[in-house]
């Protein structure tokens, strides 16, 4: 199974709104979220807010058949949930509109 790890800066003024959006994802939108992960081909997703002296980062770990294409698949579905993510979560992150998941450079991948 392929995996991808990336991070995106979160402006300080958007942290509470991001927390609220993720609460909605695991609350009232959980069914939509799970259906979207199936469309994305994602079998595992771990997301955390990493606090640093330089500001907060959203850190995301994905596993699935092709995590590099997960966002593209989600947006291509044009589901109500995908549109909600694009309009609600996307603007809270410090990234350019239309950006996919950021590239990362794996330096180690150790497993027991």
PDB file of N, CA and C in Angstrom:
ATOM      1  N   UNK A   1       0.845  -1.170   0.000  1.00  0.00           N
ATOM      2  CA  UNK A   1       0.000   0.000   0.000  1.00  0.00           C
ATOM      3  C   UNK A   1       0.893   1.236   0.000  1.00  0.00           C
ATOM      4  N   UNK A   2       0.568   2.183  -0.850  1.00  0.00           N
ATOM      5  CA  UNK A   2       1.336   3.419  -0.947  1.00  0.00           C
ATOM      6  C   UNK A   2       0.915   4.382   0.162  1.00  0.00           C
ATOM      7  N   UNK A   3       1.821   5.283   0.511  1.00  0.00           N
ATOM      8  CA  UNK A   3       1.515   6.273   1.538  1.00  0.00           C
ATOM      9  C   UNK A   3       2.071   7.633   1.134  1.00  0.00           C
ATOM     10  N   UNK A   4       1.538   8.653   1.764  1.00  0.00           N
ATOM     11  CA  UNK A   4       1.975  10.027   1.517  1.00  0.00           C
ATOM     12  C   UNK A   4       1.843  10.805   2.812  1.00  0.00           C
ATOM     13  N   UNK A   5       2.853  11.602   3.092  1.00  0.00           N
ATOM     14  CA  UNK A   5       2.859  12.479   4.254  1.00  0.00           C
ATOM     15  C   UNK A   5       3.155  13.883   3.753  1.00  0.00           C
ATOM     16  N   UNK A   6       2.357  14.849   4.192  1.00  0.00           N
ATOM     17  CA  UNK A   6       2.625  16.231   3.803  1.00  0.00           C
ATOM     18  C   UNK A   6       2.134  17.170   4.892  1.00  0.00           C
ATOM     19  N   UNK A   7       2.580  18.416   4.808  1.00  0.00           N
ATOM     20  CA  UNK A   7       2.119  19.429   5.748  1.00  0.00           C
ATOM     21  C   UNK A   7       1.806  20.715   4.996  1.00  0.00           C
ATOM     22  N   UNK A   8       0.890  21.483   5.574  1.00  0.00           N
ATOM     23  CA  UNK A   8       0.468  22.748   4.993  1.00  0.00           C
ATOM     24  C   UNK A   8       0.384  23.768   6.125  1.00  0.00           C
ATOM     25  N   UNK A   9       0.988  24.939   5.955  1.00  0.00           N
ATOM     26  CA  UNK A   9       0.875  25.976   6.990  1.00  0.00           C
ATOM     27  C   UNK A   9      -0.572  26.418   7.182  1.00  0.00           C
ATOM     28  N   UNK A  10      -0.915  26.712   8.443  1.00  0.00           N
ATOM     29  CA  UNK A  10      -2.243  27.203   8.791  1.00  0.00           C
ATOM     30  C   UNK A  10      -2.078  28.584   9.430  1.00  0.00           C
ATOM     31  N   UNK A  11      -2.590  29.628   8.801  1.00  0.00           N
ATOM     32  CA  UNK A  11      -2.504  30.954   9.427  1.00  0.00           C
ATOM     33  C   UNK A  11      -3.177  30.940  10.800  1.00  0.00           C
ATOM     34  N   UNK A  12      -2.570  31.632  11.757  1.00  0.00           N
ATOM     35  CA  UNK A  12      -3.055  31.627  13.141  1.00  0.00           C
ATOM     36  C   UNK A  12      -4.531  32.001  13.237  1.00  0.00           C
ATOM     37  N   UNK A  13      -4.971  32.923  12.407  1.00  0.00           N
ATOM     38  CA  UNK A  13      -6.364  33.367  12.480  1.00  0.00           C
ATOM     39  C   UNK A  13      -7.352  32.318  11.970  1.00  0.00           C
ATOM     40  N   UNK A  14      -6.854  31.224  11.370  1.00  0.00           N
ATOM     41  CA  UNK A  14      -7.730  30.188  10.816  1.00  0.00           C
ATOM     42  C   UNK A  14      -7.772  28.903  11.633  1.00  0.00           C
ATOM     43  N   UNK A  15      -6.990  28.828  12.700  1.00  0.00           N
ATOM     44  CA  UNK A  15      -6.875  27.578  13.466  1.00  0.00           C
ATOM     45  C   UNK A  15      -8.224  27.139  14.045  1.00  0.00           C
ATOM     46  N   UNK A  16      -8.962  28.038  14.669  1.00  0.00           N
ATOM     47  CA  UNK A  16     -10.237  27.651  15.278  1.00  0.00           C
ATOM     48  C   UNK A  16     -11.247  27.221  14.226  1.00  0.00           C
ATOM     49  N   UNK A  17     -11.286  27.898  13.093  1.00  0.00           N
ATOM     50  CA  UNK A  17     -12.202  27.504  12.013  1.00  0.00           C
ATOM     51  C   UNK A  17     -11.819  26.134  11.458  1.00  0.00           C
ATOM     52  N   UNK A  18     -10.521  25.847  11.396  1.00  0.00           N
ATOM     53  CA  UNK A  18     -10.061  24.535  10.925  1.00  0.00           C
ATOM     54  C   UNK A  18     -10.480  23.448  11.911  1.00  0.00           C
ATOM     55  N   UNK A  19     -10.325  23.711  13.190  1.00  0.00           N
ATOM     56  CA  UNK A  19     -10.783  22.752  14.214  1.00  0.00           C
ATOM     57  C   UNK A  19     -12.283  22.494  14.068  1.00  0.00           C
ATOM     58  N   UNK A  20     -13.045  23.552  13.855  1.00  0.00           N
ATOM     59  CA  UNK A  20     -14.498  23.405  13.700  1.00  0.00           C
ATOM     60  C   UNK A  20     -14.839  22.575  12.468  1.00  0.00           C
ATOM     61  N   UNK A  21     -14.126  22.786  11.365  1.00  0.00           N
ATOM     62  CA  UNK A  21     -14.374  22.021  10.143  1.00  0.00           C
ATOM     63  C   UNK A  21     -14.077  20.537  10.370  1.00  0.00           C
ATOM     64  N   UNK A  22     -12.975  20.237  11.059  1.00  0.00           N
ATOM     65  CA  UNK A  22     -12.657  18.831  11.318  1.00  0.00           C
ATOM     66  C   UNK A  22     -13.646  18.207  12.296  1.00  0.00           C
ATOM     67  N   UNK A  23     -14.153  18.984  13.236  1.00  0.00           N
ATOM     68  CA  UNK A  23     -15.196  18.467  14.129  1.00  0.00           C
ATOM     69  C   UNK A  23     -16.443  18.111  13.330  1.00  0.00           C
ATOM     70  N   UNK A  24     -16.761  18.921  12.351  1.00  0.00           N
ATOM     71  CA  UNK A  24     -17.911  18.642  11.492  1.00  0.00           C
ATOM     72  C   UNK A  24     -17.663  17.383  10.653  1.00  0.00           C
ATOM     73  N   UNK A  25     -16.409  17.216  10.185  1.00  0.00           N
ATOM     74  CA  UNK A  25     -16.064  16.022   9.383  1.00  0.00           C
ATOM     75  C   UNK A  25     -16.290  14.737  10.165  1.00  0.00           C
ATOM     76  N   UNK A  26     -15.929  14.735  11.437  1.00  0.00           N
ATOM     77  CA  UNK A  26     -16.068  13.507  12.228  1.00  0.00           C
ATOM     78  C   UNK A  26     -17.406  13.466  12.961  1.00  0.00           C
ATOM     79  N   UNK A  27     -18.214  14.511  12.760  1.00  0.00           N
ATOM     80  CA  UNK A  27     -19.536  14.575  13.367  1.00  0.00           C
ATOM     81  C   UNK A  27     -20.614  14.430  12.312  1.00  0.00           C
ATOM     82  N   UNK A  28     -21.268  15.526  12.011  1.00  0.00           N
ATOM     83  CA  UNK A  28     -22.430  15.492  11.125  1.00  0.00           C
ATOM     84  C   UNK A  28     -22.101  15.091   9.685  1.00  0.00           C
ATOM     85  N   UNK A  29     -20.870  15.234   9.266  1.00  0.00           N
ATOM     86  CA  UNK A  29     -20.486  14.877   7.894  1.00  0.00           C
ATOM     87  C   UNK A  29     -19.684  13.568   7.816  1.00  0.00           C
ATOM     88  N   UNK A  30     -19.684  12.781   8.883  1.00  0.00           N
ATOM     89  CA  UNK A  30     -18.860  11.568   8.902  1.00  0.00           C
ATOM     90  C   UNK A  30     -19.187  10.614   7.746  1.00  0.00           C
ATOM     91  N   UNK A  31     -20.458  10.381   7.468  1.00  0.00           N
ATOM     92  CA  UNK A  31     -20.831   9.488   6.372  1.00  0.00           C
ATOM     93  C   UNK A  31     -20.316   9.989   5.039  1.00  0.00           C
ATOM     94  N   UNK A  32     -20.460  11.302   4.802  1.00  0.00           N
ATOM     95  CA  UNK A  32     -19.940  11.899   3.560  1.00  0.00           C
ATOM     96  C   UNK A  32     -18.423  11.777   3.500  1.00  0.00           C
ATOM     97  N   UNK A  33     -17.778  11.990   4.627  1.00  0.00           N
ATOM     98  CA  UNK A  33     -16.318  11.919   4.699  1.00  0.00           C
ATOM     99  C   UNK A  33     -15.832  10.511   4.349  1.00  0.00           C
ATOM    100  N   UNK A  34     -16.462   9.500   4.919  1.00  0.00           N
ATOM    101  CA  UNK A  34     -16.071   8.124   4.641  1.00  0.00           C
ATOM    102  C   UNK A  34     -16.304   7.755   3.177  1.00  0.00           C
ATOM    103  N   UNK A  35     -17.421   8.198   2.623  1.00  0.00           N
ATOM    104  CA  UNK A  35     -17.698   7.943   1.203  1.00  0.00           C
ATOM    105  C   UNK A  35     -16.662   8.625   0.325  1.00  0.00           C
ATOM    106  N   UNK A  36     -16.260   9.827   0.717  1.00  0.00           N
ATOM    107  CA  UNK A  36     -15.248  10.559  -0.048  1.00  0.00           C
ATOM    108  C   UNK A  36     -13.897   9.857   0.000  1.00  0.00           C
ATOM    109  N   UNK A  37     -13.554   9.295   1.154  1.00  0.00           N
ATOM    110  CA  UNK A  37     -12.270   8.572   1.265  1.00  0.00           C
ATOM    111  C   UNK A  37     -12.276   7.370   0.331  1.00  0.00           C
ATOM    112  N   UNK A  38     -13.417   6.709   0.178  1.00  0.00           N
ATOM    113  CA  UNK A  38     -13.517   5.576  -0.750  1.00  0.00           C
ATOM    114  C   UNK A  38     -13.290   6.045  -2.183  1.00  0.00           C
ATOM    115  N   UNK A  39     -13.891   7.180  -2.550  1.00  0.00           N
ATOM    116  CA  UNK A  39     -13.685   7.749  -3.891  1.00  0.00           C
ATOM    117  C   UNK A  39     -12.205   8.080  -4.103  1.00  0.00           C
ATOM    118  N   UNK A  40     -11.568   8.597  -3.063  1.00  0.00           N
ATOM    119  CA  UNK A  40     -10.161   8.982  -3.139  1.00  0.00           C
ATOM    120  C   UNK A  40      -9.235   7.769  -3.208  1.00  0.00           C
ATOM    121  N   UNK A  41      -9.733   6.597  -2.806  1.00  0.00           N
ATOM    122  CA  UNK A  41      -8.878   5.421  -2.735  1.00  0.00           C
ATOM    123  C   UNK A  41      -8.019   5.413  -1.476  1.00  0.00           C
ATOM    124  N   UNK A  42      -8.456   6.149  -0.450  1.00  0.00           N
ATOM    125  CA  UNK A  42      -7.709   6.272   0.802  1.00  0.00           C
ATOM    126  C   UNK A  42      -8.254   5.261   1.810  1.00  0.00           C
ATOM    127  N   UNK A  43      -7.359   4.454   2.358  1.00  0.00           N
ATOM    128  CA  UNK A  43      -7.755   3.466   3.361  1.00  0.00           C
ATOM    129  C   UNK A  43      -7.387   3.896   4.775  1.00  0.00           C
ATOM    130  N   UNK A  44      -6.490   4.875   4.883  1.00  0.00           N
ATOM    131  CA  UNK A  44      -6.128   5.418   6.192  1.00  0.00           C
ATOM    132  C   UNK A  44      -5.764   6.878   6.018  1.00  0.00           C
ATOM    133  N   UNK A  45      -6.232   7.683   6.964  1.00  0.00           N
ATOM    134  CA  UNK A  45      -5.886   9.104   6.987  1.00  0.00           C
ATOM    135  C   UNK A  45      -5.653   9.495   8.435  1.00  0.00           C
ATOM    136  N   UNK A  46      -4.532  10.130   8.686  1.00  0.00           N
ATOM    137  CA  UNK A  46      -4.210  10.636  10.019  1.00  0.00           C
ATOM    138  C   UNK A  46      -3.867  12.106   9.847  1.00  0.00           C
ATOM    139  N   UNK A  47      -4.579  12.975  10.569  1.00  0.00           N
ATOM    140  CA  UNK A  47      -4.377  14.415  10.431  1.00  0.00           C
ATOM    141  C   UNK A  47      -4.149  14.998  11.815  1.00  0.00           C
ATOM    142  N   UNK A  48      -3.139  15.843  11.939  1.00  0.00           N
ATOM    143  CA  UNK A  48      -2.921  16.521  13.212  1.00  0.00           C
ATOM    144  C   UNK A  48      -2.502  17.968  12.969  1.00  0.00           C
ATOM    145  N   UNK A  49      -2.696  18.770  13.982  1.00  0.00           N
ATOM    146  CA  UNK A  49      -2.271  20.156  13.957  1.00  0.00           C
ATOM    147  C   UNK A  49      -0.965  20.216  14.735  1.00  0.00           C
ATOM    148  N   UNK A  50       0.110  20.524  14.046  1.00  0.00           N
ATOM    149  CA  UNK A  50       1.442  20.582  14.663  1.00  0.00           C
ATOM    150  C   UNK A  50       1.752  22.027  15.009  1.00  0.00           C
ATOM    151  N   UNK A  51       1.999  22.285  16.283  1.00  0.00           N
ATOM    152  CA  UNK A  51       2.313  23.635  16.748  1.00  0.00           C
ATOM    153  C   UNK A  51       3.835  23.818  16.744  1.00  0.00           C
ATOM    154  N   UNK A  52       4.308  24.859  16.083  1.00  0.00           N
ATOM    155  CA  UNK A  52       5.738  25.162  16.047  1.00  0.00           C
ATOM    156  C   UNK A  52       5.941  26.633  16.385  1.00  0.00           C
ATOM    157  N   UNK A  53       7.176  27.010  16.669  1.00  0.00           N
ATOM    158  CA  UNK A  53       7.500  28.409  16.951  1.00  0.00           C
ATOM    159  C   UNK A  53       7.234  29.294  15.732  1.00  0.00           C
ATOM    160  N   UNK A  54       7.274  28.712  14.533  1.00  0.00           N
ATOM    161  CA  UNK A  54       7.039  29.464  13.296  1.00  0.00           C
ATOM    162  C   UNK A  54       5.563  29.502  12.899  1.00  0.00           C
ATOM    163  N   UNK A  55       4.726  28.817  13.629  1.00  0.00           N
ATOM    164  CA  UNK A  55       3.302  28.772  13.323  1.00  0.00           C
ATOM    165  C   UNK A  55       2.817  27.342  13.228  1.00  0.00           C
ATOM    166  N   UNK A  56       1.523  27.190  13.067  1.00  0.00           N
ATOM    167  CA  UNK A  56       0.912  25.865  13.031  1.00  0.00           C
ATOM    168  C   UNK A  56       0.945  25.265  11.627  1.00  0.00           C
ATOM    169  N   UNK A  57       1.024  23.942  11.599  1.00  0.00           N
ATOM    170  CA  UNK A  57       0.989  23.176  10.350  1.00  0.00           C
ATOM    171  C   UNK A  57      -0.080  22.108  10.458  1.00  0.00           C
ATOM    172  N   UNK A  58      -0.796  21.896   9.378  1.00  0.00           N
ATOM    173  CA  UNK A  58      -1.681  20.750   9.273  1.00  0.00           C
ATOM    174  C   UNK A  58      -0.822  19.631   8.693  1.00  0.00           C
ATOM    175  N   UNK A  59      -0.668  18.544   9.435  1.00  0.00           N
ATOM    176  CA  UNK A  59       0.158  17.411   8.999  1.00  0.00           C
ATOM    177  C   UNK A  59      -0.784  16.269   8.650  1.00  0.00           C
ATOM    178  N   UNK A  60      -0.616  15.734   7.437  1.00  0.00           N
ATOM    179  CA  UNK A  60      -1.536  14.719   6.924  1.00  0.00           C
ATOM    180  C   UNK A  60      -0.755  13.499   6.463  1.00  0.00           C
ATOM    181  N   UNK A  61      -1.214  12.331   6.885  1.00  0.00           N
ATOM    182  CA  UNK A  61      -0.659  11.057   6.436  1.00  0.00           C
ATOM    183  C   UNK A  61      -1.787  10.282   5.765  1.00  0.00           C
ATOM    184  N   UNK A  62      -1.558   9.841   4.538  1.00  0.00           N
ATOM    185  CA  UNK A  62      -2.544   9.068   3.783  1.00  0.00           C
ATOM    186  C   UNK A  62      -1.972   7.727   3.378  1.00  0.00           C
ATOM    187  N   UNK A  63      -2.808   6.699   3.375  1.00  0.00           N
ATOM    188  CA  UNK A  63      -2.472   5.406   2.792  1.00  0.00           C
ATOM    189  C   UNK A  63      -3.582   5.057   1.819  1.00  0.00           C
ATOM    190  N   UNK A  64      -3.214   4.398   0.749  1.00  0.00           N
ATOM    191  CA  UNK A  64      -4.215   3.979  -0.224  1.00  0.00           C
ATOM    192  C   UNK A  64      -3.564   3.480  -1.491  1.00  0.00           C
ATOM    193  N   UNK A  65      -4.391   3.252  -2.506  1.00  0.00           N
ATOM    194  CA  UNK A  65      -3.849   2.694  -3.742  1.00  0.00           C
ATOM    195  C   UNK A  65      -2.986   3.695  -4.503  1.00  0.00           C
ATOM    196  N   UNK A  66      -3.276   5.005  -4.432  1.00  0.00           N
ATOM    197  CA  UNK A  66      -2.461   6.033  -5.092  1.00  0.00           C
ATOM    198  C   UNK A  66      -2.726   7.371  -4.403  1.00  0.00           C
ATOM    199  N   UNK A  67      -2.120   7.601  -3.232  1.00  0.00           N
ATOM    200  CA  UNK A  67      -2.394   8.821  -2.477  1.00  0.00           C
ATOM    201  C   UNK A  67      -2.088  10.109  -3.240  1.00  0.00           C
ATOM    202  N   UNK A  68      -1.158  10.063  -4.188  1.00  0.00           N
ATOM    203  CA  UNK A  68      -0.850  11.264  -4.963  1.00  0.00           C
ATOM    204  C   UNK A  68      -2.036  11.720  -5.805  1.00  0.00           C
ATOM    205  N   UNK A  69      -2.938  10.823  -6.128  1.00  0.00           N
ATOM    206  CA  UNK A  69      -4.103  11.151  -6.947  1.00  0.00           C
ATOM    207  C   UNK A  69      -5.381  11.325  -6.114  1.00  0.00           C
ATOM    208  N   UNK A  70      -5.270  11.210  -4.799  1.00  0.00           N
ATOM    209  CA  UNK A  70      -6.451  11.246  -3.938  1.00  0.00           C
ATOM    210  C   UNK A  70      -7.229  12.551  -4.068  1.00  0.00           C
ATOM    211  N   UNK A  71      -6.560  13.671  -4.008  1.00  0.00           N
ATOM    212  CA  UNK A  71      -7.272  14.959  -4.099  1.00  0.00           C
ATOM    213  C   UNK A  71      -7.921  15.111  -5.472  1.00  0.00           C
ATOM    214  N   UNK A  72      -7.196  14.754  -6.501  1.00  0.00           N
ATOM    215  CA  UNK A  72      -7.727  14.830  -7.866  1.00  0.00           C
ATOM    216  C   UNK A  72      -9.006  13.991  -7.998  1.00  0.00           C
ATOM    217  N   UNK A  73      -8.988  12.790  -7.435  1.00  0.00           N
ATOM    218  CA  UNK A  73     -10.170  11.923  -7.481  1.00  0.00           C
ATOM    219  C   UNK A  73     -11.336  12.525  -6.722  1.00  0.00           C
ATOM    220  N   UNK A  74     -11.046  13.108  -5.573  1.00  0.00           N
ATOM    221  CA  UNK A  74     -12.104  13.721  -4.775  1.00  0.00           C
ATOM    222  C   UNK A  74     -12.760  14.865  -5.539  1.00  0.00           C
ATOM    223  N   UNK A  75     -11.954  15.749  -6.100  1.00  0.00           N
ATOM    224  CA  UNK A  75     -12.500  16.902  -6.804  1.00  0.00           C
ATOM    225  C   UNK A  75     -13.232  16.473  -8.078  1.00  0.00           C
ATOM    226  N   UNK A  76     -12.754  15.425  -8.736  1.00  0.00           N
ATOM    227  CA  UNK A  76     -13.408  14.937  -9.952  1.00  0.00           C
ATOM    228  C   UNK A  76     -14.794  14.369  -9.648  1.00  0.00           C
ATOM    229  N   UNK A  77     -14.992  13.899  -8.420  1.00  0.00           N
ATOM    230  CA  UNK A  77     -16.300  13.337  -8.053  1.00  0.00           C
ATOM    231  C   UNK A  77     -17.372  14.420  -8.026  1.00  0.00           C
ATOM    232  N   UNK A  78     -16.965  15.653  -7.795  1.00  0.00           N
ATOM    233  CA  UNK A  78     -17.882  16.796  -7.719  1.00  0.00           C
ATOM    234  C   UNK A  78     -19.033  16.536  -6.742  1.00  0.00           C
ATOM    235  N   UNK A  79     -18.738  15.800  -5.686  1.00  0.00           N
ATOM    236  CA  UNK A  79     -19.772  15.540  -4.676  1.00  0.00           C
ATOM    237  C   UNK A  79     -19.990  16.794  -3.834  1.00  0.00           C
ATOM    238  N   UNK A  80     -21.104  16.818  -3.133  1.00  0.00           N
ATOM    239  CA  UNK A  80     -21.397  17.934  -2.242  1.00  0.00           C
ATOM    240  C   UNK A  80     -20.299  18.063  -1.191  1.00  0.00           C
ATOM    241  N   UNK A  81     -19.804  16.923  -0.707  1.00  0.00           N
ATOM    242  CA  UNK A  81     -18.743  16.926   0.304  1.00  0.00           C
ATOM    243  C   UNK A  81     -17.444  17.494  -0.271  1.00  0.00           C
ATOM    244  N   UNK A  82     -17.064  17.081  -1.469  1.00  0.00           N
ATOM    245  CA  UNK A  82     -15.832  17.595  -2.096  1.00  0.00           C
ATOM    246  C   UNK A  82     -15.931  19.108  -2.287  1.00  0.00           C
ATOM    247  N   UNK A  83     -17.100  19.585  -2.681  1.00  0.00           N
ATOM    248  CA  UNK A  83     -17.290  21.035  -2.840  1.00  0.00           C
ATOM    249  C   UNK A  83     -17.208  21.736  -1.484  1.00  0.00           C
ATOM    250  N   UNK A  84     -17.757  21.097  -0.429  1.00  0.00           N
ATOM    251  CA  UNK A  84     -17.689  21.662   0.916  1.00  0.00           C
ATOM    252  C   UNK A  84     -16.235  21.770   1.380  1.00  0.00           C
ATOM    253  N   UNK A  85     -15.461  20.716   1.182  1.00  0.00           N
ATOM    254  CA  UNK A  85     -14.035  20.737   1.556  1.00  0.00           C
ATOM    255  C   UNK A  85     -13.319  21.872   0.828  1.00  0.00           C
ATOM    256  N   UNK A  86     -13.532  21.955  -0.484  1.00  0.00           N
ATOM    257  CA  UNK A  86     -12.856  22.982  -1.287  1.00  0.00           C
ATOM    258  C   UNK A  86     -13.226  24.394  -0.834  1.00  0.00           C
ATOM    259  N   UNK A  87     -14.484  24.607  -0.449  1.00  0.00           N
ATOM    260  CA  UNK A  87     -14.913  25.953  -0.079  1.00  0.00           C
ATOM    261  C   UNK A  87     -14.716  26.272   1.401  1.00  0.00           C
ATOM    262  N   UNK A  88     -14.627  25.247   2.252  1.00  0.00           N
ATOM    263  CA  UNK A  88     -14.536  25.471   3.693  1.00  0.00           C
ATOM    264  C   UNK A  88     -13.123  25.288   4.230  1.00  0.00           C
ATOM    265  N   UNK A  89     -12.502  24.155   3.927  1.00  0.00           N
ATOM    266  CA  UNK A  89     -11.178  23.859   4.470  1.00  0.00           C
ATOM    267  C   UNK A  89     -10.072  24.495   3.627  1.00  0.00           C
ATOM    268  N   UNK A  90     -10.184  24.386   2.318  1.00  0.00           N
ATOM    269  CA  UNK A  90      -9.147  24.922   1.427  1.00  0.00           C
ATOM    270  C   UNK A  90      -8.737  26.349   1.731  1.00  0.00           C
ATOM    271  N   UNK A  91      -9.683  27.271   1.887  1.00  0.00           N
ATOM    272  CA  UNK A  91      -9.315  28.665   2.159  1.00  0.00           C
ATOM    273  C   UNK A  91      -8.642  28.897   3.519  1.00  0.00           C
ATOM    274  N   UNK A  92      -8.737  27.929   4.429  1.00  0.00           N
ATOM    275  CA  UNK A  92      -8.136  28.085   5.751  1.00  0.00           C
ATOM    276  C   UNK A  92      -6.640  27.784   5.762  1.00  0.00           C
ATOM    277  N   UNK A  93      -6.154  27.155   4.696  1.00  0.00           N
ATOM    278  CA  UNK A  93      -4.757  26.748   4.619  1.00  0.00           C
ATOM    279  C   UNK A  93      -3.967  27.732   3.773  1.00  0.00           C
ATOM    280  N   UNK A  94      -2.676  27.813   4.040  1.00  0.00           N
ATOM    281  CA  UNK A  94      -1.813  28.720   3.286  1.00  0.00           C
ATOM    282  C   UNK A  94      -1.272  27.966   2.074  1.00  0.00           C
ATOM    283  N   UNK A  95      -2.047  27.991   1.008  1.00  0.00           N
ATOM    284  CA  UNK A  95      -1.668  27.338  -0.233  1.00  0.00           C
ATOM    285  C   UNK A  95      -2.329  28.083  -1.371  1.00  0.00           C
ATOM    286  N   UNK A  96      -1.887  27.814  -2.549  1.00  0.00           N
ATOM    287  CA  UNK A  96      -2.437  28.470  -3.725  1.00  0.00           C
ATOM    288  C   UNK A  96      -3.699  27.740  -4.180  1.00  0.00           C
ATOM    289  N   UNK A  97      -4.708  28.475  -4.647  1.00  0.00           N
ATOM    290  CA  UNK A  97      -5.906  27.804  -5.171  1.00  0.00           C
ATOM    291  C   UNK A  97      -5.525  26.842  -6.300  1.00  0.00           C
ATOM    292  N   UNK A  98      -6.132  25.674  -6.286  1.00  0.00           N
ATOM    293  CA  UNK A  98      -5.855  24.690  -7.314  1.00  0.00           C
ATOM    294  C   UNK A  98      -4.663  23.793  -7.024  1.00  0.00           C
ATOM    295  N   UNK A  99      -3.910  24.096  -5.954  1.00  0.00           N
ATOM    296  CA  UNK A  99      -2.778  23.237  -5.595  1.00  0.00           C
ATOM    297  C   UNK A  99      -3.282  21.854  -5.202  1.00  0.00           C
ATOM    298  N   UNK A 100      -2.538  20.850  -5.575  1.00  0.00           N
ATOM    299  CA  UNK A 100      -2.820  19.499  -5.098  1.00  0.00           C
ATOM    300  C   UNK A 100      -2.186  19.338  -3.732  1.00  0.00           C
ATOM    301  N   UNK A 101      -1.991  18.107  -3.332  1.00  0.00           N
ATOM    302  CA  UNK A 101      -1.286  17.873  -2.085  1.00  0.00           C
ATOM    303  C   UNK A 101       0.170  18.256  -2.301  1.00  0.00           C
ATOM    304  N   UNK A 102       0.799  18.919  -1.336  1.00  0.00           N
ATOM    305  CA  UNK A 102       2.207  19.298  -1.495  1.00  0.00           C
ATOM    306  C   UNK A 102       3.099  18.074  -1.662  1.00  0.00           C
ATOM    307  N   UNK A 103       4.186  18.268  -2.395  1.00  0.00           N
ATOM    308  CA  UNK A 103       5.169  17.198  -2.543  1.00  0.00           C
ATOM    309  C   UNK A 103       5.977  17.091  -1.268  1.00  0.00           C
ATOM    310  N   UNK A 104       6.410  15.899  -0.977  1.00  0.00           N
ATOM    311  CA  UNK A 104       7.289  15.684   0.163  1.00  0.00           C
ATOM    312  C   UNK A 104       8.431  14.793  -0.292  1.00  0.00           C
ATOM    313  N   UNK A 105       9.522  14.879   0.428  1.00  0.00           N
ATOM    314  CA  UNK A 105      10.710  14.098   0.100  1.00  0.00           C
ATOM    315  C   UNK A 105      10.963  13.107   1.232  1.00  0.00           C
ATOM    316  N   UNK A 106      10.585  11.852   1.045  1.00  0.00           N
ATOM    317  CA  UNK A 106      10.840  10.869   2.095  1.00  0.00           C
ATOM    318  C   UNK A 106      12.342  10.704   2.337  1.00  0.00           C
ATOM    319  N   UNK A 107      12.740  10.745   3.583  1.00  0.00           N
ATOM    320  CA  UNK A 107      14.137  10.550   3.948  1.00  0.00           C
ATOM    321  C   UNK A 107      14.352   9.197   4.620  1.00  0.00           C
ATOM    322  N   UNK A 108      13.309   8.638   5.217  1.00  0.00           N
ATOM    323  CA  UNK A 108      13.410   7.326   5.840  1.00  0.00           C
ATOM    324  C   UNK A 108      12.008   6.718   5.904  1.00  0.00           C
ATOM    325  N   UNK A 109      11.947   5.400   5.837  1.00  0.00           N
ATOM    326  CA  UNK A 109      10.687   4.679   5.963  1.00  0.00           C
ATOM    327  C   UNK A 109      11.001   3.345   6.620  1.00  0.00           C
ATOM    328  N   UNK A 110      11.105   3.377   7.939  1.00  0.00           N
ATOM    329  CA  UNK A 110      11.467   2.187   8.677  1.00  0.00           C
ATOM    330  C   UNK A 110      10.223   1.489   9.179  1.00  0.00           C
ATOM    331  N   UNK A 111      10.192   0.178   9.087  1.00  0.00           N
ATOM    332  CA  UNK A 111       9.082  -0.628   9.610  1.00  0.00           C
ATOM    333  C   UNK A 111       9.638  -1.840  10.336  1.00  0.00           C
ATOM    334  N   UNK A 112       8.976  -2.228  11.397  1.00  0.00           N
ATOM    335  CA  UNK A 112       9.395  -3.405  12.165  1.00  0.00           C
ATOM    336  C   UNK A 112       8.949  -4.655  11.430  1.00  0.00           C
TER     337      UNK A 112
END
